[in-house]
N, C-alpha and C. Protein backbone atom coordinates (compact mmCIF):
# COMPACT_ATOMS: atom_id res chain seq x y z
N MET A 1 28.48 66.98 112.08
CA MET A 1 28.19 66.58 110.36
C MET A 1 29.40 65.57 110.82
N ASP A 2 29.50 64.78 110.33
CA ASP A 2 30.56 63.77 110.32
C ASP A 2 32.39 64.34 109.96
N GLY A 3 32.90 63.48 110.66
CA GLY A 3 34.20 64.40 110.38
C GLY A 3 34.55 63.84 108.72
N ALA A 4 34.12 62.65 108.70
CA ALA A 4 34.82 62.27 107.04
C ALA A 4 34.06 62.67 105.89
N VAL A 5 32.42 63.18 106.54
CA VAL A 5 31.90 63.31 105.11
C VAL A 5 32.78 65.10 104.86
N ARG A 6 32.62 66.00 106.15
CA ARG A 6 32.95 67.29 105.99
C ARG A 6 34.54 67.29 105.04
N SER A 7 35.66 66.46 105.93
CA SER A 7 37.09 66.10 105.09
C SER A 7 36.91 66.48 103.76
N ALA A 8 36.03 65.49 103.25
CA ALA A 8 35.65 64.90 102.15
C ALA A 8 34.96 66.07 101.19
N ARG A 9 34.23 66.70 101.45
CA ARG A 9 33.48 68.39 101.47
C ARG A 9 34.32 69.22 101.19
N GLU A 10 34.95 69.46 102.04
CA GLU A 10 36.14 70.47 102.19
C GLU A 10 37.56 69.91 101.07
N GLY A 11 37.98 69.05 100.35
CA GLY A 11 38.54 68.42 99.61
C GLY A 11 40.42 67.79 100.57
N ILE A 12 39.68 67.70 101.51
CA ILE A 12 40.84 67.09 102.23
C ILE A 12 40.72 65.43 102.07
N GLY A 13 42.10 65.08 102.02
CA GLY A 13 42.36 63.21 101.40
C GLY A 13 43.04 63.15 102.06
N ASN A 14 42.60 61.66 102.41
CA ASN A 14 43.06 60.95 103.41
C ASN A 14 44.98 60.88 103.05
N ALA A 15 45.11 60.76 101.77
CA ALA A 15 46.11 60.81 101.59
C ALA A 15 46.77 62.41 102.38
N SER A 16 46.70 64.00 102.14
CA SER A 16 47.08 64.98 102.47
C SER A 16 47.03 64.80 104.37
N LEU A 17 45.67 64.32 104.80
CA LEU A 17 46.14 63.69 106.19
C LEU A 17 47.07 63.16 106.79
N CYS A 18 47.39 61.60 105.72
CA CYS A 18 48.82 61.23 106.31
C CYS A 18 50.06 61.31 106.12
N GLU A 19 50.28 62.29 105.51
CA GLU A 19 51.43 63.22 104.57
C GLU A 19 51.73 64.49 105.93
N ALA A 20 50.52 64.76 106.49
CA ALA A 20 50.67 65.62 107.72
C ALA A 20 51.19 64.72 108.95
N ILE A 21 51.49 63.52 108.82
CA ILE A 21 51.71 62.99 110.34
C ILE A 21 52.81 62.29 109.67
N GLU A 22 53.04 61.88 108.22
CA GLU A 22 54.87 61.37 108.25
C GLU A 22 55.81 62.42 108.20
N ARG A 23 55.38 64.02 108.01
CA ARG A 23 55.92 64.92 108.26
C ARG A 23 56.41 65.31 109.76
N ALA A 24 55.26 65.75 110.49
CA ALA A 24 55.68 64.80 111.88
C ALA A 24 56.17 63.73 112.39
N GLU A 25 56.40 62.90 111.68
CA GLU A 25 57.33 62.04 111.83
C GLU A 25 58.87 62.10 111.66
N ARG A 26 58.75 63.14 110.82
CA ARG A 26 60.32 63.56 110.76
C ARG A 26 60.74 64.80 111.19
N GLY A 27 59.76 65.03 112.17
CA GLY A 27 60.42 66.41 113.14
C GLY A 27 59.63 67.45 112.22
N ILE A 28 58.94 67.28 111.49
CA ILE A 28 58.40 68.71 110.85
C ILE A 28 57.03 68.96 111.18
N ILE A 29 57.30 69.94 112.07
CA ILE A 29 55.42 70.48 113.10
C ILE A 29 55.18 71.89 112.73
N ASP A 30 54.50 72.27 111.86
CA ASP A 30 54.32 73.38 111.53
C ASP A 30 54.45 74.41 113.26
N ALA A 31 53.44 73.78 114.09
CA ALA A 31 53.41 74.76 115.31
C ALA A 31 53.69 73.40 116.59
N ASP A 32 54.06 73.78 117.86
CA ASP A 32 53.69 72.38 119.32
C ASP A 32 53.21 73.66 120.31
N PHE A 33 52.02 72.74 120.45
CA PHE A 33 51.54 74.36 121.96
C PHE A 33 51.63 73.14 122.85
N GLY A 34 52.15 72.31 123.01
CA GLY A 34 52.84 71.56 124.37
C GLY A 34 51.50 70.43 124.82
N GLY A 35 52.25 69.23 125.63
CA GLY A 35 51.12 68.19 125.84
C GLY A 35 50.49 67.43 124.77
N GLY A 36 51.47 67.36 124.03
CA GLY A 36 51.32 66.85 122.96
C GLY A 36 50.32 67.26 121.74
N LEU A 37 49.90 68.63 122.07
CA LEU A 37 48.71 68.92 121.21
C LEU A 37 49.90 70.05 119.92
N ILE A 38 49.51 69.59 118.41
CA ILE A 38 50.51 70.00 117.49
C ILE A 38 49.31 70.69 116.33
N LYS A 39 50.07 71.62 115.67
CA LYS A 39 49.24 72.22 114.61
C LYS A 39 50.06 71.69 113.02
N GLN A 40 49.31 71.33 112.33
CA GLN A 40 49.84 70.97 111.03
C GLN A 40 48.72 71.11 109.59
N ARG A 41 49.90 72.04 108.45
CA ARG A 41 49.04 72.50 107.53
C ARG A 41 48.75 71.48 106.61
N VAL A 42 47.64 71.40 105.86
CA VAL A 42 47.40 70.11 105.60
C VAL A 42 46.44 71.31 104.16
N GLY A 43 46.97 70.22 102.89
CA GLY A 43 46.27 71.37 101.64
C GLY A 43 44.97 69.99 101.24
N ARG A 44 44.58 71.24 100.86
CA ARG A 44 43.31 70.44 100.00
C ARG A 44 43.66 69.62 98.53
N LYS A 45 42.82 68.89 98.38
CA LYS A 45 43.42 67.64 96.94
C LYS A 45 43.77 68.77 95.40
N GLY A 46 45.02 68.40 95.18
CA GLY A 46 45.40 69.06 94.08
C GLY A 46 46.36 70.40 94.69
N GLN A 47 45.79 70.61 95.79
CA GLN A 47 46.76 72.40 95.95
C GLN A 47 47.63 71.50 97.30
N GLY A 48 48.25 73.13 97.19
CA GLY A 48 49.00 73.36 98.44
C GLY A 48 48.74 73.74 99.98
N ARG A 49 49.82 73.38 100.84
CA ARG A 49 48.93 73.66 102.35
C ARG A 49 49.28 74.89 102.70
N SER A 50 49.40 75.85 101.85
CA SER A 50 49.65 77.39 102.71
C SER A 50 48.49 77.90 102.44
N GLY A 51 47.81 77.81 101.47
CA GLY A 51 46.14 78.35 101.44
C GLY A 51 45.07 76.98 101.94
N GLY A 52 45.31 76.25 102.38
CA GLY A 52 44.58 74.80 102.99
C GLY A 52 43.79 75.01 104.54
N PHE A 53 44.15 73.99 105.27
CA PHE A 53 43.70 73.77 106.57
C PHE A 53 44.75 73.73 107.37
N ARG A 54 44.49 74.18 108.72
CA ARG A 54 45.23 74.33 109.84
C ARG A 54 44.17 72.72 110.66
N MET A 55 45.68 71.73 111.22
CA MET A 55 44.72 70.78 111.97
C MET A 55 45.35 70.45 113.17
N LEU A 56 44.36 70.77 114.05
CA LEU A 56 45.29 70.22 115.50
C LEU A 56 45.02 69.19 115.86
N LEU A 57 46.16 68.30 115.91
CA LEU A 57 45.72 67.12 116.57
C LEU A 57 46.99 66.94 117.97
N ALA A 58 46.52 65.85 118.34
CA ALA A 58 46.99 65.44 119.52
C ALA A 58 48.32 63.97 118.84
N TYR A 59 49.39 64.23 119.24
CA TYR A 59 50.54 63.84 118.30
C TYR A 59 51.24 63.16 119.79
N GLN A 60 51.75 61.79 118.80
CA GLN A 60 52.48 60.83 119.94
C GLN A 60 53.33 60.50 119.07
N ILE A 61 54.92 60.51 118.70
CA ILE A 61 55.93 60.14 117.80
C ILE A 61 55.60 58.63 118.03
N ALA A 62 55.39 58.11 116.71
CA ALA A 62 55.54 56.31 116.63
C ALA A 62 54.19 56.05 117.39
N ASP A 63 53.23 56.92 117.61
CA ASP A 63 52.20 55.90 118.50
C ASP A 63 51.26 56.05 118.09
N ARG A 64 50.92 57.35 118.37
CA ARG A 64 49.02 57.63 118.08
C ARG A 64 48.83 59.17 117.50
N ALA A 65 48.13 59.48 116.72
CA ALA A 65 47.88 60.65 116.04
C ALA A 65 46.57 60.71 116.15
N VAL A 66 45.61 61.92 116.47
CA VAL A 66 44.11 61.63 116.71
C VAL A 66 44.35 63.35 115.85
N PHE A 67 43.52 63.49 115.04
CA PHE A 67 42.75 65.17 114.47
C PHE A 67 41.65 64.89 115.51
N LEU A 68 41.94 66.79 115.82
CA LEU A 68 40.98 67.20 116.93
C LEU A 68 39.63 67.79 116.32
N TYR A 69 40.31 68.96 115.33
CA TYR A 69 40.19 70.11 114.92
C TYR A 69 40.77 70.73 113.99
N GLY A 70 39.77 71.48 112.67
CA GLY A 70 40.68 71.69 111.85
C GLY A 70 39.87 72.55 111.36
N PHE A 71 40.62 73.62 110.43
CA PHE A 71 39.80 74.97 110.18
C PHE A 71 40.34 75.61 109.31
N ALA A 72 40.23 76.63 107.76
CA ALA A 72 40.38 77.17 106.79
C ALA A 72 41.33 78.48 107.54
N LYS A 73 42.08 78.41 106.49
CA LYS A 73 43.27 79.46 106.77
C LYS A 73 42.19 81.07 106.65
N ASN A 74 41.62 80.49 105.12
CA ASN A 74 40.61 82.00 105.03
C ASN A 74 39.65 82.08 105.95
N GLU A 75 38.80 81.05 106.77
CA GLU A 75 38.01 81.15 107.82
C GLU A 75 38.56 81.75 109.40
N ARG A 76 39.37 81.64 109.63
CA ARG A 76 40.06 82.07 110.84
C ARG A 76 41.62 82.17 110.91
N GLU A 77 41.98 83.24 111.65
CA GLU A 77 43.38 83.02 111.66
C GLU A 77 44.04 82.41 112.65
N ASN A 78 43.58 81.99 113.42
CA ASN A 78 43.94 80.91 114.92
C ASN A 78 42.95 80.62 115.81
N ILE A 79 43.11 79.95 116.97
CA ILE A 79 41.99 79.53 118.04
C ILE A 79 42.56 80.25 119.19
N SER A 80 41.17 80.57 119.76
CA SER A 80 41.23 81.15 120.99
C SER A 80 42.13 80.26 122.09
N SER A 81 42.52 81.21 123.19
CA SER A 81 43.45 80.21 124.03
C SER A 81 42.67 79.28 124.95
N ASP A 82 40.54 79.91 124.77
CA ASP A 82 40.01 78.90 125.94
C ASP A 82 39.87 77.37 124.83
N GLU A 83 39.87 77.93 123.78
CA GLU A 83 39.64 76.50 122.79
C GLU A 83 40.82 75.90 122.62
N LEU A 84 42.36 76.08 122.98
CA LEU A 84 43.76 75.86 122.92
C LEU A 84 43.51 75.08 124.62
N ALA A 85 43.43 75.69 125.13
CA ALA A 85 43.07 74.81 126.66
C ALA A 85 42.17 73.68 126.62
N VAL A 86 40.96 73.84 126.11
CA VAL A 86 40.00 72.52 126.04
C VAL A 86 40.61 71.43 125.07
N LEU A 87 41.74 72.01 124.06
CA LEU A 87 42.24 71.07 122.98
C LEU A 87 43.09 70.09 123.56
N LYS A 88 44.29 70.93 124.61
CA LYS A 88 44.65 70.33 125.04
C LYS A 88 44.50 69.27 125.96
N GLN A 89 43.34 69.55 126.37
CA GLN A 89 43.01 68.60 127.43
C GLN A 89 42.46 66.61 126.90
N VAL A 90 41.73 67.51 125.55
CA VAL A 90 41.34 66.44 124.46
C VAL A 90 42.35 65.41 124.52
N ALA A 91 43.44 66.25 123.78
CA ALA A 91 44.56 65.57 123.44
C ALA A 91 45.72 64.93 124.32
N ALA A 92 45.46 65.35 125.81
CA ALA A 92 45.86 64.72 126.72
C ALA A 92 45.20 62.88 126.93
N MET A 93 43.50 62.92 127.13
CA MET A 93 42.86 62.06 127.41
C MET A 93 43.25 61.13 125.93
N TRP A 94 43.26 61.83 124.62
CA TRP A 94 43.17 60.32 124.07
C TRP A 94 44.56 59.66 123.49
N LEU A 95 45.75 61.00 124.25
CA LEU A 95 47.04 59.87 124.33
C LEU A 95 47.23 59.16 125.38
N SER A 96 46.93 59.35 126.32
CA SER A 96 47.17 58.44 127.57
C SER A 96 45.28 57.00 127.43
N ALA A 97 44.56 57.13 126.43
CA ALA A 97 43.99 56.43 126.36
C ALA A 97 44.75 54.68 126.17
N ASP A 98 43.91 54.14 126.71
CA ASP A 98 44.44 52.50 126.46
C ASP A 98 44.26 52.00 125.31
N GLU A 99 44.00 50.75 124.52
CA GLU A 99 43.30 50.11 123.46
C GLU A 99 42.03 50.15 123.56
N ALA A 100 41.62 49.63 124.54
CA ALA A 100 39.93 49.63 124.77
C ALA A 100 38.96 50.61 124.52
N ARG A 101 40.00 51.93 124.65
CA ARG A 101 39.30 53.15 124.80
C ARG A 101 39.53 53.12 123.38
N VAL A 102 40.29 53.29 122.78
CA VAL A 102 40.94 53.72 121.25
C VAL A 102 39.36 52.74 120.60
N ALA A 103 39.35 51.57 120.79
CA ALA A 103 38.76 50.97 120.48
C ALA A 103 36.84 51.22 120.16
N LEU A 104 36.44 51.23 121.40
CA LEU A 104 35.34 51.95 121.85
C LEU A 104 35.22 53.13 120.93
N GLY A 105 36.07 54.29 120.98
CA GLY A 105 36.10 55.39 120.09
C GLY A 105 35.89 55.12 118.67
N LEU A 106 36.60 53.99 118.39
CA LEU A 106 36.37 53.79 116.62
C LEU A 106 35.21 52.99 116.71
N THR A 107 34.38 52.46 117.51
CA THR A 107 33.23 51.44 117.10
C THR A 107 32.08 52.27 117.80
N GLU A 108 32.51 53.50 118.69
CA GLU A 108 31.21 54.44 118.98
C GLU A 108 31.36 55.96 117.93
N GLY A 109 32.40 55.76 116.94
CA GLY A 109 32.21 56.45 115.98
C GLY A 109 32.92 58.23 116.10
N GLU A 110 33.48 58.25 117.96
CA GLU A 110 33.91 59.18 118.20
C GLU A 110 35.33 59.62 117.21
N ILE A 111 35.63 58.14 117.34
CA ILE A 111 36.77 58.87 116.27
C ILE A 111 36.97 57.76 115.10
N GLN A 112 37.60 57.65 114.10
CA GLN A 112 37.78 56.95 112.59
C GLN A 112 38.95 56.69 112.48
N GLU A 113 39.70 55.85 111.75
CA GLU A 113 40.57 55.19 111.13
C GLU A 113 41.18 55.81 110.21
N VAL A 114 42.04 56.49 109.80
CA VAL A 114 42.24 57.48 108.20
C VAL A 114 43.66 56.09 107.36
N ASP A 115 42.86 55.55 106.25
CA ASP A 115 43.24 54.38 105.85
C ASP A 115 44.22 55.22 104.79
N ASP A 116 45.73 55.26 105.07
CA ASP A 116 46.29 55.82 103.48
C ASP A 116 46.23 55.01 102.12
N ASP A 117 45.90 54.03 102.17
CA ASP A 117 45.20 53.98 100.84
C ASP A 117 43.85 54.01 100.39
N ASP A 118 43.17 54.34 100.83
CA ASP A 118 41.88 54.90 100.42
C ASP A 118 41.52 55.75 100.43
N GLU A 119 41.67 56.77 99.48
CA GLU A 119 41.71 58.02 99.06
C GLU A 119 40.29 58.67 99.86
N GLU A 120 39.36 57.86 99.25
CA GLU A 120 37.97 58.16 99.58
C GLU A 120 37.20 58.58 100.65
N THR A 121 37.87 58.08 102.04
CA THR A 121 37.33 58.44 103.23
C THR A 121 38.15 59.11 104.17
């Protein structure tokens, strides 16, 4: 399922995703797994973060943030160590990707840009 469709269906708006990045930029990170992989809590539209979603993302301050995986707190407690290892590899790949690779990922639908001015996508 397309990430934008799922996030919209689950009630995760772009504003919530952008707010998670803004908190990280201020040094407020819910969990740091090392290697550029962090976890941020993200709320559903109109609700707080505590009962919302846990988003794992590749993050490099003031440069790049790529949401890799999200799950609702009520669906699962956490991710496994095997999943964590794979996500660290994916995070490293996106954080080291050059602009051409990022552009290709956007074109091919591997990733999509989150626009904080566009709450619908």
